[in-house]
Amino acid sequence: MISYDLNPKSQKVLYKLHFWLDTFKGSNGLAPDMVEEIQETIWTIKERGSYTDIERELLNQVRDWYLEFNKI
């Protein structure tokens, strides 16, 4: 399994996504328990300092939600 290291910029983005997900609960998108599970995964990645291919897919999906939600 391939592992990717986080750089300082990626760590900041993960922190931002982790807290942004709170606004994505319920009527805006995902069920609260799903959001909490994703947040836990993001926190684990941040603490570990790396992520796997599977986690990369999840992070890409969360990034897409963030970009879609924040369209002007």
PDB file of N, CA and C in Angstrom:
ATOM      1  N   MET A   1       0.840  -1.178   0.000  1.00  0.00           N
ATOM      2  CA  MET A   1       0.000   0.000   0.000  1.00  0.00           C
ATOM      3  C   MET A   1       0.891   1.250   0.000  1.00  0.00           C
ATOM      4  N   ILE A   2       0.568   2.178  -0.870  1.00  0.00           N
ATOM      5  CA  ILE A   2       1.342   3.406  -0.991  1.00  0.00           C
ATOM      6  C   ILE A   2       0.919   4.389   0.098  1.00  0.00           C
ATOM      7  N   SER A   3       1.902   5.085   0.641  1.00  0.00           N
ATOM      8  CA  SER A   3       1.650   6.092   1.666  1.00  0.00           C
ATOM      9  C   SER A   3       2.227   7.421   1.192  1.00  0.00           C
ATOM     10  N   TYR A   4       1.478   8.496   1.396  1.00  0.00           N
ATOM     11  CA  TYR A   4       1.890   9.833   0.989  1.00  0.00           C
ATOM     12  C   TYR A   4       2.106  10.687   2.233  1.00  0.00           C
ATOM     13  N   ASP A   5       3.232  11.369   2.298  1.00  0.00           N
ATOM     14  CA  ASP A   5       3.528  12.240   3.432  1.00  0.00           C
ATOM     15  C   ASP A   5       2.810  13.579   3.274  1.00  0.00           C
ATOM     16  N   LEU A   6       2.393  14.137   4.409  1.00  0.00           N
ATOM     17  CA  LEU A   6       1.774  15.460   4.417  1.00  0.00           C
ATOM     18  C   LEU A   6       2.852  16.538   4.495  1.00  0.00           C
ATOM     19  N   ASN A   7       2.682  17.584   3.721  1.00  0.00           N
ATOM     20  CA  ASN A   7       3.551  18.745   3.873  1.00  0.00           C
ATOM     21  C   ASN A   7       2.817  19.769   4.736  1.00  0.00           C
ATOM     22  N   PRO A   8       3.468  20.819   5.176  1.00  0.00           N
ATOM     23  CA  PRO A   8       2.809  21.801   6.051  1.00  0.00           C
ATOM     24  C   PRO A   8       1.534  22.402   5.451  1.00  0.00           C
ATOM     25  N   LYS A   9       1.530  22.650   4.151  1.00  0.00           N
ATOM     26  CA  LYS A   9       0.328  23.207   3.514  1.00  0.00           C
ATOM     27  C   LYS A   9      -0.830  22.217   3.573  1.00  0.00           C
ATOM     28  N   SER A  10      -0.552  20.948   3.313  1.00  0.00           N
ATOM     29  CA  SER A  10      -1.581  19.912   3.369  1.00  0.00           C
ATOM     30  C   SER A  10      -2.150  19.772   4.779  1.00  0.00           C
ATOM     31  N   GLN A  11      -1.299  19.906   5.783  1.00  0.00           N
ATOM     32  CA  GLN A  11      -1.772  19.830   7.167  1.00  0.00           C
ATOM     33  C   GLN A  11      -2.750  20.961   7.476  1.00  0.00           C
ATOM     34  N   LYS A  12      -2.460  22.154   6.974  1.00  0.00           N
ATOM     35  CA  LYS A  12      -3.369  23.286   7.189  1.00  0.00           C
ATOM     36  C   LYS A  12      -4.702  23.055   6.492  1.00  0.00           C
ATOM     37  N   VAL A  13      -4.656  22.507   5.279  1.00  0.00           N
ATOM     38  CA  VAL A  13      -5.881  22.222   4.536  1.00  0.00           C
ATOM     39  C   VAL A  13      -6.714  21.172   5.261  1.00  0.00           C
ATOM     40  N   LEU A  14      -6.073  20.141   5.782  1.00  0.00           N
ATOM     41  CA  LEU A  14      -6.809  19.113   6.527  1.00  0.00           C
ATOM     42  C   LEU A  14      -7.496  19.703   7.744  1.00  0.00           C
ATOM     43  N   TYR A  15      -6.802  20.573   8.442  1.00  0.00           N
ATOM     44  CA  TYR A  15      -7.385  21.231   9.615  1.00  0.00           C
ATOM     45  C   TYR A  15      -8.621  22.028   9.204  1.00  0.00           C
ATOM     46  N   LYS A  16      -8.510  22.759   8.117  1.00  0.00           N
ATOM     47  CA  LYS A  16      -9.628  23.561   7.619  1.00  0.00           C
ATOM     48  C   LYS A  16     -10.802  22.676   7.204  1.00  0.00           C
ATOM     49  N   LEU A  17     -10.545  21.594   6.480  1.00  0.00           N
ATOM     50  CA  LEU A  17     -11.608  20.685   6.061  1.00  0.00           C
ATOM     51  C   LEU A  17     -12.276  20.018   7.255  1.00  0.00           C
ATOM     52  N   HIS A  18     -11.478  19.645   8.231  1.00  0.00           N
ATOM     53  CA  HIS A  18     -12.019  18.995   9.430  1.00  0.00           C
ATOM     54  C   HIS A  18     -13.094  19.869  10.082  1.00  0.00           C
ATOM     55  N   PHE A  19     -12.811  21.127  10.245  1.00  0.00           N
ATOM     56  CA  PHE A  19     -13.771  22.009  10.905  1.00  0.00           C
ATOM     57  C   PHE A  19     -14.868  22.484   9.966  1.00  0.00           C
ATOM     58  N   TRP A  20     -14.593  22.576   8.680  1.00  0.00           N
ATOM     59  CA  TRP A  20     -15.627  22.938   7.711  1.00  0.00           C
ATOM     60  C   TRP A  20     -16.724  21.876   7.669  1.00  0.00           C
ATOM     61  N   LEU A  21     -16.366  20.618   7.861  1.00  0.00           N
ATOM     62  CA  LEU A  21     -17.349  19.537   7.802  1.00  0.00           C
ATOM     63  C   LEU A  21     -18.501  19.737   8.784  1.00  0.00           C
ATOM     64  N   ASP A  22     -18.273  20.450   9.869  1.00  0.00           N
ATOM     65  CA  ASP A  22     -19.360  20.733  10.809  1.00  0.00           C
ATOM     66  C   ASP A  22     -20.512  21.470  10.126  1.00  0.00           C
ATOM     67  N   THR A  23     -20.232  22.289   9.129  1.00  0.00           N
ATOM     68  CA  THR A  23     -21.278  23.025   8.415  1.00  0.00           C
ATOM     69  C   THR A  23     -21.964  22.159   7.374  1.00  0.00           C
ATOM     70  N   PHE A  24     -21.410  20.992   7.103  1.00  0.00           N
ATOM     71  CA  PHE A  24     -21.910  20.110   6.055  1.00  0.00           C
ATOM     72  C   PHE A  24     -22.831  19.026   6.616  1.00  0.00           C
ATOM     73  N   LYS A  25     -23.128  19.092   7.898  1.00  0.00           N
ATOM     74  CA  LYS A  25     -23.981  18.088   8.533  1.00  0.00           C
ATOM     75  C   LYS A  25     -25.453  18.342   8.206  1.00  0.00           C
ATOM     76  N   GLY A  26     -26.236  17.292   8.297  1.00  0.00           N
ATOM     77  CA  GLY A  26     -27.681  17.401   8.215  1.00  0.00           C
ATOM     78  C   GLY A  26     -28.201  17.892   6.879  1.00  0.00           C
ATOM     79  N   SER A  27     -28.923  19.005   6.895  1.00  0.00           N
ATOM     80  CA  SER A  27     -29.630  19.466   5.712  1.00  0.00           C
ATOM     81  C   SER A  27     -28.703  19.845   4.564  1.00  0.00           C
ATOM     82  N   ASN A  28     -27.457  20.168   4.865  1.00  0.00           N
ATOM     83  CA  ASN A  28     -26.519  20.542   3.810  1.00  0.00           C
ATOM     84  C   ASN A  28     -25.886  19.353   3.112  1.00  0.00           C
ATOM     85  N   GLY A  29     -25.974  18.185   3.686  1.00  0.00           N
ATOM     86  CA  GLY A  29     -25.283  17.078   3.035  1.00  0.00           C
ATOM     87  C   GLY A  29     -25.334  15.771   3.768  1.00  0.00           C
ATOM     88  N   LEU A  30     -24.369  15.523   4.630  1.00  0.00           N
ATOM     89  CA  LEU A  30     -24.195  14.219   5.243  1.00  0.00           C
ATOM     90  C   LEU A  30     -24.807  14.127   6.631  1.00  0.00           C
ATOM     91  N   ALA A  31     -25.123  12.900   7.005  1.00  0.00           N
ATOM     92  CA  ALA A  31     -25.617  12.640   8.353  1.00  0.00           C
ATOM     93  C   ALA A  31     -24.508  12.937   9.363  1.00  0.00           C
ATOM     94  N   PRO A  32     -24.882  13.426  10.550  1.00  0.00           N
ATOM     95  CA  PRO A  32     -23.877  13.775  11.560  1.00  0.00           C
ATOM     96  C   PRO A  32     -22.901  12.657  11.894  1.00  0.00           C
ATOM     97  N   ASP A  33     -23.377  11.417  11.970  1.00  0.00           N
ATOM     98  CA  ASP A  33     -22.459  10.321  12.308  1.00  0.00           C
ATOM     99  C   ASP A  33     -21.444  10.063  11.190  1.00  0.00           C
ATOM    100  N   MET A  34     -21.856  10.268   9.936  1.00  0.00           N
ATOM    101  CA  MET A  34     -20.933  10.121   8.808  1.00  0.00           C
ATOM    102  C   MET A  34     -19.871  11.218   8.847  1.00  0.00           C
ATOM    103  N   VAL A  35     -20.303  12.447   9.139  1.00  0.00           N
ATOM    104  CA  VAL A  35     -19.365  13.566   9.235  1.00  0.00           C
ATOM    105  C   VAL A  35     -18.353  13.314  10.340  1.00  0.00           C
ATOM    106  N   GLU A  36     -18.822  12.848  11.485  1.00  0.00           N
ATOM    107  CA  GLU A  36     -17.918  12.580  12.600  1.00  0.00           C
ATOM    108  C   GLU A  36     -16.905  11.495  12.244  1.00  0.00           C
ATOM    109  N   GLU A  37     -17.333  10.484  11.513  1.00  0.00           N
ATOM    110  CA  GLU A  37     -16.416   9.418  11.107  1.00  0.00           C
ATOM    111  C   GLU A  37     -15.347   9.962  10.143  1.00  0.00           C
ATOM    112  N   ILE A  38     -15.764  10.815   9.211  1.00  0.00           N
ATOM    113  CA  ILE A  38     -14.803  11.424   8.280  1.00  0.00           C
ATOM    114  C   ILE A  38     -13.847  12.335   9.037  1.00  0.00           C
ATOM    115  N   GLN A  39     -14.375  13.104   9.989  1.00  0.00           N
ATOM    116  CA  GLN A  39     -13.517  13.977  10.787  1.00  0.00           C
ATOM    117  C   GLN A  39     -12.487  13.172  11.576  1.00  0.00           C
ATOM    118  N   GLU A  40     -12.896  12.046  12.127  1.00  0.00           N
ATOM    119  CA  GLU A  40     -11.957  11.189  12.862  1.00  0.00           C
ATOM    120  C   GLU A  40     -10.851  10.687  11.934  1.00  0.00           C
ATOM    121  N   THR A  41     -11.217  10.314  10.719  1.00  0.00           N
ATOM    122  CA  THR A  41     -10.229   9.847   9.745  1.00  0.00           C
ATOM    123  C   THR A  41      -9.257  10.965   9.404  1.00  0.00           C
ATOM    124  N   ILE A  42      -9.780  12.167   9.173  1.00  0.00           N
ATOM    125  CA  ILE A  42      -8.920  13.315   8.864  1.00  0.00           C
ATOM    126  C   ILE A  42      -7.970  13.583  10.018  1.00  0.00           C
ATOM    127  N   TRP A  43      -8.471  13.522  11.245  1.00  0.00           N
ATOM    128  CA  TRP A  43      -7.630  13.777  12.416  1.00  0.00           C
ATOM    129  C   TRP A  43      -6.530  12.718  12.529  1.00  0.00           C
ATOM    130  N   THR A  44      -6.870  11.455  12.255  1.00  0.00           N
ATOM    131  CA  THR A  44      -5.888  10.371  12.292  1.00  0.00           C
ATOM    132  C   THR A  44      -4.793  10.602  11.254  1.00  0.00           C
ATOM    133  N   ILE A  45      -5.195  10.997  10.050  1.00  0.00           N
ATOM    134  CA  ILE A  45      -4.230  11.288   8.985  1.00  0.00           C
ATOM    135  C   ILE A  45      -3.307  12.417   9.421  1.00  0.00           C
ATOM    136  N   LYS A  46      -3.894  13.471   9.982  1.00  0.00           N
ATOM    137  CA  LYS A  46      -3.106  14.637  10.404  1.00  0.00           C
ATOM    138  C   LYS A  46      -2.091  14.246  11.482  1.00  0.00           C
ATOM    139  N   GLU A  47      -2.518  13.468  12.459  1.00  0.00           N
ATOM    140  CA  GLU A  47      -1.615  13.044  13.532  1.00  0.00           C
ATOM    141  C   GLU A  47      -0.525  12.106  13.021  1.00  0.00           C
ATOM    142  N   ARG A  48      -0.885  11.224  12.093  1.00  0.00           N
ATOM    143  CA  ARG A  48       0.072  10.267  11.544  1.00  0.00           C
ATOM    144  C   ARG A  48       1.058  10.953  10.592  1.00  0.00           C
ATOM    145  N   GLY A  49       0.585  11.994   9.900  1.00  0.00           N
ATOM    146  CA  GLY A  49       1.445  12.726   8.978  1.00  0.00           C
ATOM    147  C   GLY A  49       1.533  12.120   7.592  1.00  0.00           C
ATOM    148  N   SER A  50       0.637  11.172   7.314  1.00  0.00           N
ATOM    149  CA  SER A  50       0.613  10.550   5.993  1.00  0.00           C
ATOM    150  C   SER A  50      -0.777   9.950   5.745  1.00  0.00           C
ATOM    151  N   TYR A  51      -1.023   9.586   4.482  1.00  0.00           N
ATOM    152  CA  TYR A  51      -2.301   8.981   4.126  1.00  0.00           C
ATOM    153  C   TYR A  51      -2.094   7.935   3.042  1.00  0.00           C
ATOM    154  N   THR A  52      -3.034   7.003   2.954  1.00  0.00           N
ATOM    155  CA  THR A  52      -2.975   5.905   1.992  1.00  0.00           C
ATOM    156  C   THR A  52      -3.768   6.265   0.736  1.00  0.00           C
ATOM    157  N   ASP A  53      -3.745   5.373  -0.253  1.00  0.00           N
ATOM    158  CA  ASP A  53      -4.521   5.579  -1.473  1.00  0.00           C
ATOM    159  C   ASP A  53      -6.017   5.694  -1.178  1.00  0.00           C
ATOM    160  N   ILE A  54      -6.504   4.842  -0.307  1.00  0.00           N
ATOM    161  CA  ILE A  54      -7.934   4.862   0.035  1.00  0.00           C
ATOM    162  C   ILE A  54      -8.284   6.168   0.736  1.00  0.00           C
ATOM    163  N   GLU A  55      -7.454   6.580   1.671  1.00  0.00           N
ATOM    164  CA  GLU A  55      -7.684   7.850   2.363  1.00  0.00           C
ATOM    165  C   GLU A  55      -7.564   9.022   1.387  1.00  0.00           C
ATOM    166  N   ARG A  56      -6.717   8.886   0.411  1.00  0.00           N
ATOM    167  CA  ARG A  56      -6.560   9.930  -0.610  1.00  0.00           C
ATOM    168  C   ARG A  56      -7.869  10.130  -1.367  1.00  0.00           C
ATOM    169  N   GLU A  57      -8.540   9.032  -1.703  1.00  0.00           N
ATOM    170  CA  GLU A  57      -9.836   9.115  -2.374  1.00  0.00           C
ATOM    171  C   GLU A  57     -10.856   9.856  -1.508  1.00  0.00           C
ATOM    172  N   LEU A  58     -10.881   9.540  -0.221  1.00  0.00           N
ATOM    173  CA  LEU A  58     -11.784  10.224   0.695  1.00  0.00           C
ATOM    174  C   LEU A  58     -11.469  11.715   0.761  1.00  0.00           C
ATOM    175  N   LEU A  59     -10.199  12.056   0.887  1.00  0.00           N
ATOM    176  CA  LEU A  59      -9.805  13.462   0.955  1.00  0.00           C
ATOM    177  C   LEU A  59     -10.175  14.212  -0.325  1.00  0.00           C
ATOM    178  N   ASN A  60     -10.020  13.564  -1.467  1.00  0.00           N
ATOM    179  CA  ASN A  60     -10.416  14.192  -2.727  1.00  0.00           C
ATOM    180  C   ASN A  60     -11.914  14.447  -2.769  1.00  0.00           C
ATOM    181  N   GLN A  61     -12.699  13.496  -2.245  1.00  0.00           N
ATOM    182  CA  GLN A  61     -14.153  13.678  -2.221  1.00  0.00           C
ATOM    183  C   GLN A  61     -14.546  14.831  -1.299  1.00  0.00           C
ATOM    184  N   VAL A  62     -13.942  14.890  -0.143  1.00  0.00           N
ATOM    185  CA  VAL A  62     -14.236  15.981   0.794  1.00  0.00           C
ATOM    186  C   VAL A  62     -13.835  17.318   0.179  1.00  0.00           C
ATOM    187  N   ARG A  63     -12.694  17.352  -0.490  1.00  0.00           N
ATOM    188  CA  ARG A  63     -12.272  18.582  -1.171  1.00  0.00           C
ATOM    189  C   ARG A  63     -13.307  18.999  -2.221  1.00  0.00           C
ATOM    190  N   ASP A  64     -13.827  18.039  -2.989  1.00  0.00           N
ATOM    191  CA  ASP A  64     -14.842  18.343  -3.998  1.00  0.00           C
ATOM    192  C   ASP A  64     -16.110  18.911  -3.361  1.00  0.00           C
ATOM    193  N   TRP A  65     -16.530  18.329  -2.225  1.00  0.00           N
ATOM    194  CA  TRP A  65     -17.698  18.862  -1.517  1.00  0.00           C
ATOM    195  C   TRP A  65     -17.442  20.293  -1.070  1.00  0.00           C
ATOM    196  N   TYR A  66     -16.246  20.524  -0.542  1.00  0.00           N
ATOM    197  CA  TYR A  66     -15.880  21.867  -0.068  1.00  0.00           C
ATOM    198  C   TYR A  66     -15.948  22.870  -1.216  1.00  0.00           C
ATOM    199  N   LEU A  67     -15.373  22.515  -2.347  1.00  0.00           N
ATOM    200  CA  LEU A  67     -15.362  23.434  -3.490  1.00  0.00           C
ATOM    201  C   LEU A  67     -16.773  23.678  -4.015  1.00  0.00           C
ATOM    202  N   GLU A  68     -17.584  22.637  -4.075  1.00  0.00           N
ATOM    203  CA  GLU A  68     -18.975  22.770  -4.544  1.00  0.00           C
ATOM    204  C   GLU A  68     -19.790  23.626  -3.571  1.00  0.00           C
ATOM    205  N   PHE A  69     -19.629  23.382  -2.302  1.00  0.00           N
ATOM    206  CA  PHE A  69     -20.390  24.092  -1.270  1.00  0.00           C
ATOM    207  C   PHE A  69     -20.024  25.565  -1.224  1.00  0.00           C
ATOM    208  N   ASN A  70     -18.791  25.891  -1.541  1.00  0.00           N
ATOM    209  CA  ASN A  70     -18.302  27.266  -1.449  1.00  0.00           C
ATOM    210  C   ASN A  70     -18.279  28.001  -2.768  1.00  0.00           C
ATOM    211  N   LYS A  71     -18.978  27.471  -3.768  1.00  0.00           N
ATOM    212  CA  LYS A  71     -19.069  28.189  -5.034  1.00  0.00           C
ATOM    213  C   LYS A  71     -19.808  29.499  -4.837  1.00  0.00           C
ATOM    214  N   ILE A  72     -19.357  30.488  -5.551  1.00  0.00           N
ATOM    215  CA  ILE A  72     -20.007  31.813  -5.447  1.00  0.00           C
ATOM    216  C   ILE A  72     -21.059  31.928  -6.527  1.00  0.00           C
TER     217      ILE A  72
END
